[in-house]
C-alpha atoms as a PDB file:
ATOM      1  CA  MET A   1       0.027  -0.018   0.018  1.00  0.00           C
ATOM      2  CA  PRO A   2       1.507   3.388  -0.959  1.00  0.00           C
ATOM      3  CA  ARG A   3       2.123   6.085   1.613  1.00  0.00           C
ATOM      4  CA  PRO A   4      -0.464   8.771   2.042  1.00  0.00           C
ATOM      5  CA  THR A   5       0.477  12.114   0.481  1.00  0.00           C
ATOM      6  CA  ALA A   6       0.501  15.458   2.380  1.00  0.00           C
ATOM      7  CA  ALA A   7      -2.642  16.536   0.521  1.00  0.00           C
ATOM      8  CA  GLN A   8      -4.387  13.351   1.665  1.00  0.00           C
ATOM      9  CA  PHE A   9      -3.471  13.981   5.307  1.00  0.00           C
ATOM     10  CA  ALA A  10      -4.700  17.615   4.978  1.00  0.00           C
ATOM     11  CA  TYR A  11      -7.954  17.003   3.278  1.00  0.00           C
ATOM     12  CA  GLY A  12      -8.712  13.992   5.546  1.00  0.00           C
ATOM     13  CA  SER A  13      -7.836  15.896   8.796  1.00  0.00           C
ATOM     14  CA  ALA A  14      -9.757  18.890   7.745  1.00  0.00           C
ATOM     15  CA  THR A  15     -12.807  16.773   6.862  1.00  0.00           C
ATOM     16  CA  VAL A  16     -12.654  15.059  10.267  1.00  0.00           C
ATOM     17  CA  VAL A  17     -12.571  18.455  12.082  1.00  0.00           C
ATOM     18  CA  VAL A  18     -15.155  20.275  10.171  1.00  0.00           C
ATOM     19  CA  THR A  19     -17.650  17.174  10.140  1.00  0.00           C
ATOM     20  CA  THR A  20     -17.132  16.777  13.881  1.00  0.00           C
ATOM     21  CA  LEU A  21     -17.938  20.356  14.645  1.00  0.00           C
ATOM     22  CA  ALA A  22     -20.918  20.495  12.207  1.00  0.00           C
ATOM     23  CA  LEU A  23     -22.423  17.145  13.663  1.00  0.00           C
ATOM     24  CA  LEU A  24     -21.976  18.181  17.187  1.00  0.00           C
ATOM     25  CA  LEU A  25     -23.703  21.614  16.529  1.00  0.00           C
ATOM     26  CA  LEU A  26     -26.390  20.126  14.406  1.00  0.00           C
ATOM     27  CA  PHE A  27     -27.457  17.201  16.889  1.00  0.00           C
ATOM     28  CA  ARG A  28     -26.547  19.116  19.997  1.00  0.00           C
ATOM     29  CA  THR A  29     -25.677  15.819  21.544  1.00  0.00           C
ATOM     30  CA  GLU A  30     -24.470  15.733  25.199  1.00  0.00           C
ATOM     31  CA  SER A  31     -24.361  11.836  25.847  1.00  0.00           C
ATOM     32  CA  GLY A  32     -21.047   9.947  25.537  1.00  0.00           C
ATOM     33  CA  ILE A  33     -22.828   7.536  22.939  1.00  0.00           C
ATOM     34  CA  GLY A  34     -23.785  10.461  20.788  1.00  0.00           C
ATOM     35  CA  VAL A  35     -20.308  12.005  20.779  1.00  0.00           C
ATOM     36  CA  ALA A  36     -18.715   8.566  20.102  1.00  0.00           C
ATOM     37  CA  ALA A  37     -21.082   8.097  17.049  1.00  0.00           C
ATOM     38  CA  VAL A  38     -20.272  11.634  15.800  1.00  0.00           C
ATOM     39  CA  GLY A  39     -16.496  11.089  16.143  1.00  0.00           C
ATOM     40  CA  THR A  40     -16.754   7.606  14.414  1.00  0.00           C
ATOM     41  CA  THR A  41     -18.795   9.115  11.636  1.00  0.00           C
ATOM     42  CA  ALA A  42     -16.233  12.095  11.189  1.00  0.00           C
ATOM     43  CA  LEU A  43     -13.333   9.643  11.123  1.00  0.00           C
ATOM     44  CA  ALA A  44     -14.956   7.313   8.554  1.00  0.00           C
ATOM     45  CA  LEU A  45     -15.765  10.376   6.304  1.00  0.00           C
ATOM     46  CA  GLY A  46     -12.314  11.750   6.676  1.00  0.00           C
ATOM     47  CA  LEU A  47     -10.782   8.480   5.667  1.00  0.00           C
ATOM     48  CA  LEU A  48     -13.104   8.096   2.798  1.00  0.00           C
ATOM     49  CA  VAL A  49     -12.037  11.655   1.623  1.00  0.00           C
ATOM     50  CA  ALA A  50      -8.346  10.881   1.948  1.00  0.00           C
ATOM     51  CA  VAL A  51      -8.597   7.536   0.150  1.00  0.00           C
ATOM     52  CA  ARG A  52     -10.630   8.904  -2.676  1.00  0.00           C
ATOM     53  CA  LEU A  53      -8.208  11.829  -3.420  1.00  0.00           C
ATOM     54  CA  PRO A  54      -6.395  11.149  -6.718  1.00  0.00           C
ATOM     55  CA  LEU A  55      -2.777  10.264  -6.278  1.00  0.00           C
ATOM     56  CA  PRO A  56      -0.079  11.928  -8.225  1.00  0.00           C
ATOM     57  CA  ARG A  57       1.053  10.203 -11.422  1.00  0.00           C
ATOM     58  CA  HIS A  58       4.571   9.095 -11.714  1.00  0.00           C
ATOM     59  CA  ARG A  59       6.477   9.578 -14.912  1.00  0.00           C
ATOM     60  CA  GLY A  60       7.414   5.990 -15.191  1.00  0.00           C
ATOM     61  CA  ALA A  61       3.767   4.733 -15.137  1.00  0.00           C
ATOM     62  CA  GLU A  62       2.769   7.176 -17.722  1.00  0.00           C
ATOM     63  CA  GLY A  63       3.850   5.081 -20.714  1.00  0.00           C
ATOM     64  CA  ALA A  64       3.111   1.686 -19.109  1.00  0.00           C
ATOM     65  CA  GLY A  65      -0.479   1.239 -20.589  1.00  0.00           C
ATOM     66  CA  ARG A  66       0.317   2.752 -24.075  1.00  0.00           C
ATOM     67  CA  THR A  67      -0.022   0.635 -27.173  1.00  0.00           C
ATOM     68  CA  ALA A  68       2.148   0.863 -30.319  1.00  0.00           C
ATOM     69  CA  THR A  69      -0.665   2.909 -31.926  1.00  0.00           C
ATOM     70  CA  ASP A  70      -0.470   5.369 -29.115  1.00  0.00           C
ATOM     71  CA  HIS A  71       3.254   5.768 -29.538  1.00  0.00           C
ATOM     72  CA  ALA A  72       2.874   6.279 -33.153  1.00  0.00           C
ATOM     73  CA  ALA A  73       0.334   8.943 -32.822  1.00  0.00           C
ATOM     74  CA  ALA A  74       2.434  10.705 -30.238  1.00  0.00           C
ATOM     75  CA  ALA A  75       5.385  10.594 -32.429  1.00  0.00           C
ATOM     76  CA  ARG A  76       3.499  12.156 -35.344  1.00  0.00           C
ATOM     77  CA  THR A  77       2.246  14.931 -33.206  1.00  0.00           C
ATOM     78  CA  HIS A  78       5.819  15.561 -31.887  1.00  0.00           C
ATOM     79  CA  HIS A  79       7.159  15.789 -35.341  1.00  0.00           C
ATOM     80  CA  ALA A  80       4.300  17.971 -36.545  1.00  0.00           C
ATOM     81  CA  LEU A  81       4.845  20.362 -33.663  1.00  0.00           C
ATOM     82  CA  GLU A  82       8.560  20.297 -33.837  1.00  0.00           C
ATOM     83  CA  GLY A  83       9.077  23.564 -35.681  1.00  0.00           C
ATOM     84  CA  VAL A  84       6.111  25.404 -33.887  1.00  0.00           C
ATOM     85  CA  GLY A  85       7.213  28.026 -31.372  1.00  0.00           C
ATOM     86  CA  THR A  86      10.735  28.209 -32.456  1.00  0.00           C
ATOM     87  CA  ARG A  87      12.220  31.451 -33.727  1.00  0.00           C
ATOM     88  CA  GLU A  88      15.635  32.798 -34.399  1.00  0.00           C
ATOM     89  CA  ARG A  89      17.301  34.783 -31.685  1.00  0.00           C
ATOM     90  CA  VAL A  90      18.031  38.425 -32.465  1.00  0.00           C
ATOM     91  CA  SER A  91      21.393  39.559 -31.326  1.00  0.00           C
ATOM     92  CA  ALA A  92      21.082  41.918 -28.242  1.00  0.00           C
ATOM     93  CA  THR A  93      24.281  43.714 -28.949  1.00  0.00           C
ATOM     94  CA  ARG A  94      24.287  46.602 -31.415  1.00  0.00           C
ATOM     95  CA  SER A  95      27.018  48.526 -32.805  1.00  0.00           C
ATOM     96  CA  SER A  96      27.723  51.898 -31.045  1.00  0.00           C
ATOM     97  CA  ALA A  97      27.019  53.819 -34.203  1.00  0.00           C
ATOM     98  CA  SER A  98      23.510  52.297 -34.858  1.00  0.00           C
ATOM     99  CA  SER A  99      22.595  52.540 -31.148  1.00  0.00           C
ATOM    100  CA  SER A 100      23.399  56.168 -30.899  1.00  0.00           C
ATOM    101  CA  ALA A 101      21.567  56.870 -34.203  1.00  0.00           C
ATOM    102  CA  SER A 102      18.517  54.952 -32.721  1.00  0.00           C
ATOM    103  CA  ALA A 103      18.784  56.879 -29.565  1.00  0.00           C
ATOM    104  CA  ASP A 104      18.805  60.233 -31.285  1.00  0.00           C
ATOM    105  CA  GLU A 105      16.042  59.260 -33.538  1.00  0.00           C
ATOM    106  CA  HIS A 106      13.578  58.013 -30.684  1.00  0.00           C
ATOM    107  CA  SER A 107      14.629  60.195 -27.981  1.00  0.00           C
ATOM    108  CA  LEU A 108      12.443  62.578 -26.249  1.00  0.00           C
ATOM    109  CA  HIS A 109      15.206  64.949 -25.646  1.00  0.00           C
ATOM    110  CA  ARG A 110      15.911  66.755 -29.022  1.00  0.00           C
END
């Protein structure tokens, strides 16, 4: 059984606390049996919330269920998108003559 994540602990604990307070205020129970029933119900609900929370995916398990068709489709998509988003870099350095001419041309101080 895998270890619970921090998110599972947080959501489960918050569920237990909020459920306990809500049920105690809702039923206004003062007997020991009523408080025990509310506590048990809150713990069960908190455990259910923590267990049902989706686990993070691992990169190794990502390709485990893929078929050859899935791999081929992914490769086609990768090759089709290979050139998208790439652009040539423009040199950030300018010659001093062109930069001083640009500064004079666009300067607010004339």
